[in-house]
């Protein structure tokens, strides 16, 4: 599981623009993502679900979309991804959980 794409053409516009303008910073950031990914015992599926949950907690629609897109590409089901939004409700609140569900469904429906 790569946390950051190496090909800047795959990035959202703002991130791609930054990667092109500041390649040394972007490469260091991407390497940090790879190093963090292999630093512990979690399997790739668990890491993807955790990253999605962190994006939900940060209320970052773009990051939620990114991790849902990658999760689907990696074989996670829509039900598995949507369960993250349901799990968010008691911790983050009903409105945040429903917002996350909406962002997830942007890509699963």
PDB file of N, CA and C in Angstrom:
ATOM      1  N   UNK A   1       0.846  -1.178   0.000  1.00  0.00           N
ATOM      2  CA  UNK A   1       0.000   0.000   0.000  1.00  0.00           C
ATOM      3  C   UNK A   1       0.885   1.233   0.000  1.00  0.00           C
ATOM      4  N   UNK A   2       0.796   2.002  -1.023  1.00  0.00           N
ATOM      5  CA  UNK A   2       1.527   3.272  -1.054  1.00  0.00           C
ATOM      6  C   UNK A   2       0.584   4.362  -0.578  1.00  0.00           C
ATOM      7  N   UNK A   3       1.028   5.144   0.385  1.00  0.00           N
ATOM      8  CA  UNK A   3       0.161   6.176   0.914  1.00  0.00           C
ATOM      9  C   UNK A   3       0.081   7.392   0.016  1.00  0.00           C
ATOM     10  N   UNK A   4       1.060   7.614  -0.778  1.00  0.00           N
ATOM     11  CA  UNK A   4       1.044   8.748  -1.688  1.00  0.00           C
ATOM     12  C   UNK A   4       1.462   8.267  -3.071  1.00  0.00           C
ATOM     13  N   UNK A   5       0.690   8.640  -4.102  1.00  0.00           N
ATOM     14  CA  UNK A   5       1.061   8.215  -5.448  1.00  0.00           C
ATOM     15  C   UNK A   5       2.380   8.842  -5.889  1.00  0.00           C
ATOM     16  N   UNK A   6       3.177   8.074  -6.611  1.00  0.00           N
ATOM     17  CA  UNK A   6       4.432   8.603  -7.147  1.00  0.00           C
ATOM     18  C   UNK A   6       4.184   9.454  -8.389  1.00  0.00           C
ATOM     19  N   UNK A   7       3.155   9.116  -9.149  1.00  0.00           N
ATOM     20  CA  UNK A   7       2.829   9.830 -10.370  1.00  0.00           C
ATOM     21  C   UNK A   7       1.989  11.056 -10.020  1.00  0.00           C
ATOM     22  N   UNK A   8       2.527  12.233 -10.220  1.00  0.00           N
ATOM     23  CA  UNK A   8       1.809  13.449  -9.839  1.00  0.00           C
ATOM     24  C   UNK A   8       0.571  13.666 -10.701  1.00  0.00           C
ATOM     25  N   UNK A   9       0.427  12.960 -11.835  1.00  0.00           N
ATOM     26  CA  UNK A   9      -0.781  13.068 -12.651  1.00  0.00           C
ATOM     27  C   UNK A   9      -1.989  12.482 -11.920  1.00  0.00           C
ATOM     28  N   UNK A  10      -1.756  11.601 -10.933  1.00  0.00           N
ATOM     29  CA  UNK A  10      -2.840  10.980 -10.177  1.00  0.00           C
ATOM     30  C   UNK A  10      -3.319  11.848  -9.022  1.00  0.00           C
ATOM     31  N   UNK A  11      -2.649  12.930  -8.741  1.00  0.00           N
ATOM     32  CA  UNK A  11      -2.962  13.762  -7.587  1.00  0.00           C
ATOM     33  C   UNK A  11      -4.076  14.758  -7.897  1.00  0.00           C
ATOM     34  N   UNK A  12      -4.831  15.149  -6.845  1.00  0.00           N
ATOM     35  CA  UNK A  12      -5.759  16.273  -7.031  1.00  0.00           C
ATOM     36  C   UNK A  12      -4.978  17.506  -7.481  1.00  0.00           C
ATOM     37  N   UNK A  13      -5.670  18.448  -8.081  1.00  0.00           N
ATOM     38  CA  UNK A  13      -5.016  19.604  -8.708  1.00  0.00           C
ATOM     39  C   UNK A  13      -4.068  20.346  -7.773  1.00  0.00           C
ATOM     40  N   UNK A  14      -4.508  20.667  -6.568  1.00  0.00           N
ATOM     41  CA  UNK A  14      -3.662  21.453  -5.663  1.00  0.00           C
ATOM     42  C   UNK A  14      -2.421  20.673  -5.249  1.00  0.00           C
ATOM     43  N   UNK A  15      -2.587  19.409  -4.920  1.00  0.00           N
ATOM     44  CA  UNK A  15      -1.436  18.593  -4.514  1.00  0.00           C
ATOM     45  C   UNK A  15      -0.499  18.369  -5.698  1.00  0.00           C
ATOM     46  N   UNK A  16      -1.064  18.126  -6.872  1.00  0.00           N
ATOM     47  CA  UNK A  16      -0.239  17.937  -8.068  1.00  0.00           C
ATOM     48  C   UNK A  16       0.553  19.175  -8.410  1.00  0.00           C
ATOM     49  N   UNK A  17      -0.072  20.318  -8.268  1.00  0.00           N
ATOM     50  CA  UNK A  17       0.612  21.580  -8.519  1.00  0.00           C
ATOM     51  C   UNK A  17       1.762  21.767  -7.526  1.00  0.00           C
ATOM     52  N   UNK A  18       1.498  21.472  -6.236  1.00  0.00           N
ATOM     53  CA  UNK A  18       2.548  21.582  -5.235  1.00  0.00           C
ATOM     54  C   UNK A  18       3.686  20.617  -5.540  1.00  0.00           C
ATOM     55  N   UNK A  19       3.350  19.372  -5.899  1.00  0.00           N
ATOM     56  CA  UNK A  19       4.376  18.362  -6.199  1.00  0.00           C
ATOM     57  C   UNK A  19       5.250  18.804  -7.368  1.00  0.00           C
ATOM     58  N   UNK A  20       4.636  19.431  -8.355  1.00  0.00           N
ATOM     59  CA  UNK A  20       5.406  19.920  -9.505  1.00  0.00           C
ATOM     60  C   UNK A  20       6.252  21.135  -9.148  1.00  0.00           C
ATOM     61  N   UNK A  21       5.722  22.010  -8.291  1.00  0.00           N
ATOM     62  CA  UNK A  21       6.444  23.226  -7.910  1.00  0.00           C
ATOM     63  C   UNK A  21       7.557  22.950  -6.900  1.00  0.00           C
ATOM     64  N   UNK A  22       7.334  21.973  -6.026  1.00  0.00           N
ATOM     65  CA  UNK A  22       8.271  21.685  -4.929  1.00  0.00           C
ATOM     66  C   UNK A  22       8.590  20.187  -4.879  1.00  0.00           C
ATOM     67  N   UNK A  23       9.250  19.647  -5.917  1.00  0.00           N
ATOM     68  CA  UNK A  23       9.457  18.203  -5.979  1.00  0.00           C
ATOM     69  C   UNK A  23      10.266  17.634  -4.819  1.00  0.00           C
ATOM     70  N   UNK A  24      11.226  18.385  -4.301  1.00  0.00           N
ATOM     71  CA  UNK A  24      12.020  17.861  -3.180  1.00  0.00           C
ATOM     72  C   UNK A  24      11.158  17.701  -1.936  1.00  0.00           C
ATOM     73  N   UNK A  25      10.308  18.675  -1.670  1.00  0.00           N
ATOM     74  CA  UNK A  25       9.416  18.593  -0.512  1.00  0.00           C
ATOM     75  C   UNK A  25       8.418  17.461  -0.718  1.00  0.00           C
ATOM     76  N   UNK A  26       7.842  17.386  -1.927  1.00  0.00           N
ATOM     77  CA  UNK A  26       6.873  16.332  -2.213  1.00  0.00           C
ATOM     78  C   UNK A  26       7.515  14.950  -2.075  1.00  0.00           C
ATOM     79  N   UNK A  27       8.708  14.776  -2.594  1.00  0.00           N
ATOM     80  CA  UNK A  27       9.376  13.473  -2.504  1.00  0.00           C
ATOM     81  C   UNK A  27       9.657  13.094  -1.049  1.00  0.00           C
ATOM     82  N   UNK A  28      10.052  14.068  -0.238  1.00  0.00           N
ATOM     83  CA  UNK A  28      10.289  13.795   1.182  1.00  0.00           C
ATOM     84  C   UNK A  28       8.977  13.409   1.874  1.00  0.00           C
ATOM     85  N   UNK A  29       7.915  14.109   1.539  1.00  0.00           N
ATOM     86  CA  UNK A  29       6.592  13.798   2.098  1.00  0.00           C
ATOM     87  C   UNK A  29       6.150  12.395   1.692  1.00  0.00           C
ATOM     88  N   UNK A  30       6.302  12.056   0.424  1.00  0.00           N
ATOM     89  CA  UNK A  30       5.923  10.727  -0.060  1.00  0.00           C
ATOM     90  C   UNK A  30       6.758   9.645   0.616  1.00  0.00           C
ATOM     91  N   UNK A  31       8.033   9.901   0.811  1.00  0.00           N
ATOM     92  CA  UNK A  31       8.895   8.932   1.487  1.00  0.00           C
ATOM     93  C   UNK A  31       8.483   8.763   2.944  1.00  0.00           C
ATOM     94  N   UNK A  32       8.095   9.851   3.608  1.00  0.00           N
ATOM     95  CA  UNK A  32       7.600   9.763   4.975  1.00  0.00           C
ATOM     96  C   UNK A  32       6.367   8.859   5.024  1.00  0.00           C
ATOM     97  N   UNK A  33       5.465   9.025   4.080  1.00  0.00           N
ATOM     98  CA  UNK A  33       4.272   8.178   4.007  1.00  0.00           C
ATOM     99  C   UNK A  33       4.631   6.713   3.855  1.00  0.00           C
ATOM    100  N   UNK A  34       5.605   6.423   2.983  1.00  0.00           N
ATOM    101  CA  UNK A  34       6.038   5.022   2.785  1.00  0.00           C
ATOM    102  C   UNK A  34       6.683   4.479   4.051  1.00  0.00           C
ATOM    103  N   UNK A  35       7.529   5.273   4.702  1.00  0.00           N
ATOM    104  CA  UNK A  35       8.213   4.830   5.920  1.00  0.00           C
ATOM    105  C   UNK A  35       7.208   4.565   7.035  1.00  0.00           C
ATOM    106  N   UNK A  36       6.224   5.426   7.190  1.00  0.00           N
ATOM    107  CA  UNK A  36       5.203   5.219   8.222  1.00  0.00           C
ATOM    108  C   UNK A  36       4.379   3.973   7.926  1.00  0.00           C
ATOM    109  N   UNK A  37       4.117   3.722   6.663  1.00  0.00           N
ATOM    110  CA  UNK A  37       3.313   2.568   6.272  1.00  0.00           C
ATOM    111  C   UNK A  37       3.964   1.243   6.653  1.00  0.00           C
ATOM    112  N   UNK A  38       5.279   1.168   6.537  1.00  0.00           N
ATOM    113  CA  UNK A  38       5.975  -0.104   6.825  1.00  0.00           C
ATOM    114  C   UNK A  38       6.517  -0.168   8.249  1.00  0.00           C
ATOM    115  N   UNK A  39       6.274   0.855   9.056  1.00  0.00           N
ATOM    116  CA  UNK A  39       6.862   0.931  10.396  1.00  0.00           C
ATOM    117  C   UNK A  39       6.187   0.036  11.425  1.00  0.00           C
ATOM    118  N   UNK A  40       5.049  -0.540  11.091  1.00  0.00           N
ATOM    119  CA  UNK A  40       4.332  -1.341  12.086  1.00  0.00           C
ATOM    120  C   UNK A  40       3.749  -2.604  11.487  1.00  0.00           C
ATOM    121  N   UNK A  41       3.001  -3.342  12.314  1.00  0.00           N
ATOM    122  CA  UNK A  41       2.531  -4.658  11.917  1.00  0.00           C
ATOM    123  C   UNK A  41       1.194  -4.704  11.185  1.00  0.00           C
ATOM    124  N   UNK A  42       0.535  -3.578  10.978  1.00  0.00           N
ATOM    125  CA  UNK A  42      -0.795  -3.619  10.373  1.00  0.00           C
ATOM    126  C   UNK A  42      -0.734  -4.048   8.916  1.00  0.00           C
ATOM    127  N   UNK A  43      -1.738  -4.829   8.507  1.00  0.00           N
ATOM    128  CA  UNK A  43      -1.815  -5.239   7.100  1.00  0.00           C
ATOM    129  C   UNK A  43      -2.379  -4.078   6.277  1.00  0.00           C
ATOM    130  N   UNK A  44      -2.269  -4.194   4.970  1.00  0.00           N
ATOM    131  CA  UNK A  44      -2.649  -3.095   4.079  1.00  0.00           C
ATOM    132  C   UNK A  44      -4.123  -2.715   4.213  1.00  0.00           C
ATOM    133  N   UNK A  45      -5.010  -3.700   4.340  1.00  0.00           N
ATOM    134  CA  UNK A  45      -6.436  -3.397   4.471  1.00  0.00           C
ATOM    135  C   UNK A  45      -6.703  -2.590   5.740  1.00  0.00           C
ATOM    136  N   UNK A  46      -6.119  -3.008   6.838  1.00  0.00           N
ATOM    137  CA  UNK A  46      -6.303  -2.288   8.098  1.00  0.00           C
ATOM    138  C   UNK A  46      -5.747  -0.881   7.998  1.00  0.00           C
ATOM    139  N   UNK A  47      -4.568  -0.744   7.392  1.00  0.00           N
ATOM    140  CA  UNK A  47      -3.979   0.591   7.235  1.00  0.00           C
ATOM    141  C   UNK A  47      -4.902   1.494   6.417  1.00  0.00           C
ATOM    142  N   UNK A  48      -5.485   0.979   5.348  1.00  0.00           N
ATOM    143  CA  UNK A  48      -6.374   1.801   4.517  1.00  0.00           C
ATOM    144  C   UNK A  48      -7.591   2.236   5.325  1.00  0.00           C
ATOM    145  N   UNK A  49      -8.179   1.337   6.112  1.00  0.00           N
ATOM    146  CA  UNK A  49      -9.348   1.687   6.909  1.00  0.00           C
ATOM    147  C   UNK A  49      -8.995   2.705   7.992  1.00  0.00           C
ATOM    148  N   UNK A  50      -7.825   2.562   8.591  1.00  0.00           N
ATOM    149  CA  UNK A  50      -7.382   3.537   9.597  1.00  0.00           C
ATOM    150  C   UNK A  50      -7.176   4.896   8.936  1.00  0.00           C
ATOM    151  N   UNK A  51      -6.539   4.918   7.786  1.00  0.00           N
ATOM    152  CA  UNK A  51      -6.311   6.191   7.094  1.00  0.00           C
ATOM    153  C   UNK A  51      -7.641   6.852   6.736  1.00  0.00           C
ATOM    154  N   UNK A  52      -8.623   6.050   6.315  1.00  0.00           N
ATOM    155  CA  UNK A  52      -9.943   6.592   6.027  1.00  0.00           C
ATOM    156  C   UNK A  52     -10.566   7.161   7.298  1.00  0.00           C
ATOM    157  N   UNK A  53     -10.461   6.428   8.392  1.00  0.00           N
ATOM    158  CA  UNK A  53     -11.020   6.913   9.654  1.00  0.00           C
ATOM    159  C   UNK A  53     -10.357   8.213  10.100  1.00  0.00           C
ATOM    160  N   UNK A  54      -9.063   8.318   9.921  1.00  0.00           N
ATOM    161  CA  UNK A  54      -8.367   9.559  10.271  1.00  0.00           C
ATOM    162  C   UNK A  54      -8.847  10.710   9.397  1.00  0.00           C
ATOM    163  N   UNK A  55      -9.071  10.456   8.119  1.00  0.00           N
ATOM    164  CA  UNK A  55      -9.578  11.482   7.215  1.00  0.00           C
ATOM    165  C   UNK A  55     -10.980  11.913   7.628  1.00  0.00           C
ATOM    166  N   UNK A  56     -11.806  10.944   8.045  1.00  0.00           N
ATOM    167  CA  UNK A  56     -13.146  11.267   8.532  1.00  0.00           C
ATOM    168  C   UNK A  56     -13.037  12.142   9.774  1.00  0.00           C
ATOM    169  N   UNK A  57     -12.178  11.750  10.716  1.00  0.00           N
ATOM    170  CA  UNK A  57     -12.001  12.512  11.949  1.00  0.00           C
ATOM    171  C   UNK A  57     -11.494  13.912  11.708  1.00  0.00           C
ATOM    172  N   UNK A  58     -10.686  14.076  10.680  1.00  0.00           N
ATOM    173  CA  UNK A  58     -10.156  15.403  10.331  1.00  0.00           C
ATOM    174  C   UNK A  58     -11.161  16.215   9.516  1.00  0.00           C
ATOM    175  N   UNK A  59     -12.292  15.591   9.191  1.00  0.00           N
ATOM    176  CA  UNK A  59     -13.330  16.224   8.379  1.00  0.00           C
ATOM    177  C   UNK A  59     -12.778  16.738   7.051  1.00  0.00           C
ATOM    178  N   UNK A  60     -11.934  15.911   6.432  1.00  0.00           N
ATOM    179  CA  UNK A  60     -11.317  16.267   5.162  1.00  0.00           C
ATOM    180  C   UNK A  60     -11.992  15.490   4.032  1.00  0.00           C
ATOM    181  N   UNK A  61     -12.921  16.135   3.364  1.00  0.00           N
ATOM    182  CA  UNK A  61     -13.654  15.481   2.281  1.00  0.00           C
ATOM    183  C   UNK A  61     -12.711  14.968   1.198  1.00  0.00           C
ATOM    184  N   UNK A  62     -11.712  15.753   0.845  1.00  0.00           N
ATOM    185  CA  UNK A  62     -10.768  15.332  -0.188  1.00  0.00           C
ATOM    186  C   UNK A  62      -9.995  14.089   0.212  1.00  0.00           C
ATOM    187  N   UNK A  63      -9.537  14.041   1.463  1.00  0.00           N
ATOM    188  CA  UNK A  63      -8.806  12.864   1.935  1.00  0.00           C
ATOM    189  C   UNK A  63      -9.723  11.651   2.027  1.00  0.00           C
ATOM    190  N   UNK A  64     -10.988  11.864   2.447  1.00  0.00           N
ATOM    191  CA  UNK A  64     -11.945  10.752   2.467  1.00  0.00           C
ATOM    192  C   UNK A  64     -12.108  10.211   1.061  1.00  0.00           C
ATOM    193  N   UNK A  65     -12.329  11.075   0.098  1.00  0.00           N
ATOM    194  CA  UNK A  65     -12.464  10.626  -1.291  1.00  0.00           C
ATOM    195  C   UNK A  65     -11.228   9.841  -1.732  1.00  0.00           C
ATOM    196  N   UNK A  66     -10.058  10.359  -1.416  1.00  0.00           N
ATOM    197  CA  UNK A  66      -8.814   9.699  -1.818  1.00  0.00           C
ATOM    198  C   UNK A  66      -8.718   8.298  -1.230  1.00  0.00           C
ATOM    199  N   UNK A  67      -9.001   8.163   0.070  1.00  0.00           N
ATOM    200  CA  UNK A  67      -8.860   6.850   0.704  1.00  0.00           C
ATOM    201  C   UNK A  67      -9.972   5.892   0.296  1.00  0.00           C
ATOM    202  N   UNK A  68     -11.156   6.400   0.000  1.00  0.00           N
ATOM    203  CA  UNK A  68     -12.220   5.544  -0.523  1.00  0.00           C
ATOM    204  C   UNK A  68     -11.836   5.043  -1.910  1.00  0.00           C
ATOM    205  N   UNK A  69     -11.355   5.956  -2.744  1.00  0.00           N
ATOM    206  CA  UNK A  69     -10.944   5.573  -4.110  1.00  0.00           C
ATOM    207  C   UNK A  69      -9.869   4.483  -4.052  1.00  0.00           C
ATOM    208  N   UNK A  70      -8.879   4.689  -3.214  1.00  0.00           N
ATOM    209  CA  UNK A  70      -7.800   3.707  -3.097  1.00  0.00           C
ATOM    210  C   UNK A  70      -8.302   2.404  -2.483  1.00  0.00           C
ATOM    211  N   UNK A  71      -9.187   2.519  -1.490  1.00  0.00           N
ATOM    212  CA  UNK A  71      -9.748   1.319  -0.876  1.00  0.00           C
ATOM    213  C   UNK A  71     -10.501   0.461  -1.880  1.00  0.00           C
ATOM    214  N   UNK A  72     -11.300   1.103  -2.722  1.00  0.00           N
ATOM    215  CA  UNK A  72     -12.022   0.362  -3.759  1.00  0.00           C
ATOM    216  C   UNK A  72     -11.054  -0.300  -4.731  1.00  0.00           C
ATOM    217  N   UNK A  73     -10.013   0.432  -5.125  1.00  0.00           N
ATOM    218  CA  UNK A  73      -8.997  -0.131  -6.029  1.00  0.00           C
ATOM    219  C   UNK A  73      -8.283  -1.315  -5.391  1.00  0.00           C
ATOM    220  N   UNK A  74      -8.152  -1.291  -4.067  1.00  0.00           N
ATOM    221  CA  UNK A  74      -7.443  -2.359  -3.340  1.00  0.00           C
ATOM    222  C   UNK A  74      -8.368  -3.508  -2.951  1.00  0.00           C
ATOM    223  N   UNK A  75      -9.645  -3.437  -3.347  1.00  0.00           N
ATOM    224  CA  UNK A  75     -10.561  -4.550  -3.131  1.00  0.00           C
ATOM    225  C   UNK A  75     -11.472  -4.451  -1.921  1.00  0.00           C
ATOM    226  N   UNK A  76     -11.454  -3.309  -1.214  1.00  0.00           N
ATOM    227  CA  UNK A  76     -12.386  -3.145  -0.104  1.00  0.00           C
ATOM    228  C   UNK A  76     -13.788  -2.922  -0.658  1.00  0.00           C
ATOM    229  N   UNK A  77     -14.790  -3.413   0.052  1.00  0.00           N
ATOM    230  CA  UNK A  77     -16.170  -3.253  -0.400  1.00  0.00           C
ATOM    231  C   UNK A  77     -16.735  -1.915   0.063  1.00  0.00           C
ATOM    232  N   UNK A  78     -17.796  -1.483  -0.604  1.00  0.00           N
ATOM    233  CA  UNK A  78     -18.481  -0.261  -0.198  1.00  0.00           C
ATOM    234  C   UNK A  78     -18.980  -0.396   1.235  1.00  0.00           C
ATOM    235  N   UNK A  79     -19.484  -1.569   1.604  1.00  0.00           N
ATOM    236  CA  UNK A  79     -19.978  -1.779   2.974  1.00  0.00           C
ATOM    237  C   UNK A  79     -18.864  -1.614   4.000  1.00  0.00           C
ATOM    238  N   UNK A  80     -17.678  -2.131   3.708  1.00  0.00           N
ATOM    239  CA  UNK A  80     -16.549  -1.985   4.640  1.00  0.00           C
ATOM    240  C   UNK A  80     -16.177  -0.517   4.806  1.00  0.00           C
ATOM    241  N   UNK A  81     -16.131   0.205   3.701  1.00  0.00           N
ATOM    242  CA  UNK A  81     -15.757   1.615   3.745  1.00  0.00           C
ATOM    243  C   UNK A  81     -16.827   2.442   4.451  1.00  0.00           C
ATOM    244  N   UNK A  82     -18.094   2.173   4.177  1.00  0.00           N
ATOM    245  CA  UNK A  82     -19.184   2.917   4.797  1.00  0.00           C
ATOM    246  C   UNK A  82     -19.283   2.626   6.294  1.00  0.00           C
ATOM    247  N   UNK A  83     -18.840   1.456   6.726  1.00  0.00           N
ATOM    248  CA  UNK A  83     -18.869   1.134   8.154  1.00  0.00           C
ATOM    249  C   UNK A  83     -18.028   2.133   8.949  1.00  0.00           C
ATOM    250  N   UNK A  84     -16.992   2.672   8.347  1.00  0.00           N
ATOM    251  CA  UNK A  84     -16.165   3.686   9.017  1.00  0.00           C
ATOM    252  C   UNK A  84     -17.013   4.889   9.414  1.00  0.00           C
ATOM    253  N   UNK A  85     -17.910   5.323   8.530  1.00  0.00           N
ATOM    254  CA  UNK A  85     -18.771   6.465   8.842  1.00  0.00           C
ATOM    255  C   UNK A  85     -19.703   6.135  10.003  1.00  0.00           C
ATOM    256  N   UNK A  86     -20.229   4.932  10.031  1.00  0.00           N
ATOM    257  CA  UNK A  86     -21.105   4.526  11.124  1.00  0.00           C
ATOM    258  C   UNK A  86     -20.331   4.484  12.439  1.00  0.00           C
ATOM    259  N   UNK A  87     -19.112   3.966  12.402  1.00  0.00           N
ATOM    260  CA  UNK A  87     -18.286   3.917  13.612  1.00  0.00           C
ATOM    261  C   UNK A  87     -17.937   5.314  14.115  1.00  0.00           C
ATOM    262  N   UNK A  88     -17.932   6.295  13.231  1.00  0.00           N
ATOM    263  CA  UNK A  88     -17.587   7.661  13.613  1.00  0.00           C
ATOM    264  C   UNK A  88     -18.684   8.334  14.428  1.00  0.00           C
ATOM    265  N   UNK A  89     -19.918   7.885  14.313  1.00  0.00           N
ATOM    266  CA  UNK A  89     -21.046   8.579  14.932  1.00  0.00           C
ATOM    267  C   UNK A  89     -20.896   8.743  16.440  1.00  0.00           C
ATOM    268  N   UNK A  90     -20.624   7.674  17.233  1.00  0.00           N
ATOM    269  CA  UNK A  90     -20.550   7.897  18.682  1.00  0.00           C
ATOM    270  C   UNK A  90     -19.345   8.732  19.121  1.00  0.00           C
ATOM    271  N   UNK A  91     -18.284   8.732  18.343  1.00  0.00           N
ATOM    272  CA  UNK A  91     -17.075   9.473  18.717  1.00  0.00           C
ATOM    273  C   UNK A  91     -17.100  10.906  18.203  1.00  0.00           C
ATOM    274  N   UNK A  92     -17.451  11.097  16.943  1.00  0.00           N
ATOM    275  CA  UNK A  92     -17.387  12.420  16.323  1.00  0.00           C
ATOM    276  C   UNK A  92     -18.722  13.150  16.318  1.00  0.00           C
ATOM    277  N   UNK A  93     -19.811  12.413  16.417  1.00  0.00           N
ATOM    278  CA  UNK A  93     -21.137  13.002  16.390  1.00  0.00           C
ATOM    279  C   UNK A  93     -21.910  12.593  15.148  1.00  0.00           C
ATOM    280  N   UNK A  94     -23.226  12.639  15.276  1.00  0.00           N
ATOM    281  CA  UNK A  94     -24.098  12.229  14.178  1.00  0.00           C
ATOM    282  C   UNK A  94     -23.873  13.053  12.911  1.00  0.00           C
ATOM    283  N   UNK A  95     -23.829  14.387  12.994  1.00  0.00           N
ATOM    284  CA  UNK A  95     -23.637  15.160  11.757  1.00  0.00           C
ATOM    285  C   UNK A  95     -22.325  14.815  11.034  1.00  0.00           C
ATOM    286  N   UNK A  96     -21.241  14.621  11.785  1.00  0.00           N
ATOM    287  CA  UNK A  96     -19.957  14.290  11.164  1.00  0.00           C
ATOM    288  C   UNK A  96     -19.998  12.893  10.524  1.00  0.00           C
ATOM    289  N   UNK A  97     -20.633  11.957  11.215  1.00  0.00           N
ATOM    290  CA  UNK A  97     -20.752  10.605  10.658  1.00  0.00           C
ATOM    291  C   UNK A  97     -21.579  10.590   9.389  1.00  0.00           C
ATOM    292  N   UNK A  98     -22.653  11.354   9.370  1.00  0.00           N
ATOM    293  CA  UNK A  98     -23.503  11.416   8.178  1.00  0.00           C
ATOM    294  C   UNK A  98     -22.776  12.135   7.043  1.00  0.00           C
ATOM    295  N   UNK A  99     -22.029  13.180   7.365  1.00  0.00           N
ATOM    296  CA  UNK A  99     -21.228  13.852   6.326  1.00  0.00           C
ATOM    297  C   UNK A  99     -20.231  12.869   5.732  1.00  0.00           C
ATOM    298  N   UNK A 100     -19.546  12.099   6.588  1.00  0.00           N
ATOM    299  CA  UNK A 100     -18.574  11.117   6.100  1.00  0.00           C
ATOM    300  C   UNK A 100     -19.252  10.084   5.213  1.00  0.00           C
ATOM    301  N   UNK A 101     -20.426   9.634   5.627  1.00  0.00           N
ATOM    302  CA  UNK A 101     -21.165   8.652   4.820  1.00  0.00           C
ATOM    303  C   UNK A 101     -21.473   9.225   3.445  1.00  0.00           C
ATOM    304  N   UNK A 102     -21.851  10.505   3.410  1.00  0.00           N
ATOM    305  CA  UNK A 102     -22.131  11.163   2.128  1.00  0.00           C
ATOM    306  C   UNK A 102     -20.877  11.222   1.262  1.00  0.00           C
ATOM    307  N   UNK A 103     -19.741  11.585   1.873  1.00  0.00           N
ATOM    308  CA  UNK A 103     -18.492  11.660   1.101  1.00  0.00           C
ATOM    309  C   UNK A 103     -18.069  10.296   0.587  1.00  0.00           C
ATOM    310  N   UNK A 104     -18.246   9.268   1.401  1.00  0.00           N
ATOM    311  CA  UNK A 104     -17.908   7.907   0.989  1.00  0.00           C
ATOM    312  C   UNK A 104     -18.815   7.479  -0.161  1.00  0.00           C
ATOM    313  N   UNK A 105     -20.106   7.767  -0.020  1.00  0.00           N
ATOM    314  CA  UNK A 105     -21.062   7.383  -1.061  1.00  0.00           C
ATOM    315  C   UNK A 105     -20.873   8.166  -2.352  1.00  0.00           C
ATOM    316  N   UNK A 106     -20.175   9.290  -2.301  1.00  0.00           N
ATOM    317  CA  UNK A 106     -19.840   9.985  -3.549  1.00  0.00           C
ATOM    318  C   UNK A 106     -19.144   9.038  -4.519  1.00  0.00           C
ATOM    319  N   UNK A 107     -18.408   8.067  -3.958  1.00  0.00           N
ATOM    320  CA  UNK A 107     -17.614   7.155  -4.794  1.00  0.00           C
ATOM    321  C   UNK A 107     -18.122   5.720  -4.782  1.00  0.00           C
ATOM    322  N   UNK A 108     -19.025   5.380  -3.861  1.00  0.00           N
ATOM    323  CA  UNK A 108     -19.477   3.985  -3.794  1.00  0.00           C
ATOM    324  C   UNK A 108     -20.844   3.771  -4.413  1.00  0.00           C
ATOM    325  N   UNK A 109     -21.559   4.830  -4.736  1.00  0.00           N
ATOM    326  CA  UNK A 109     -22.891   4.663  -5.354  1.00  0.00           C
ATOM    327  C   UNK A 109     -22.838   4.960  -6.824  1.00  0.00           C
TER     328      UNK A 109
END
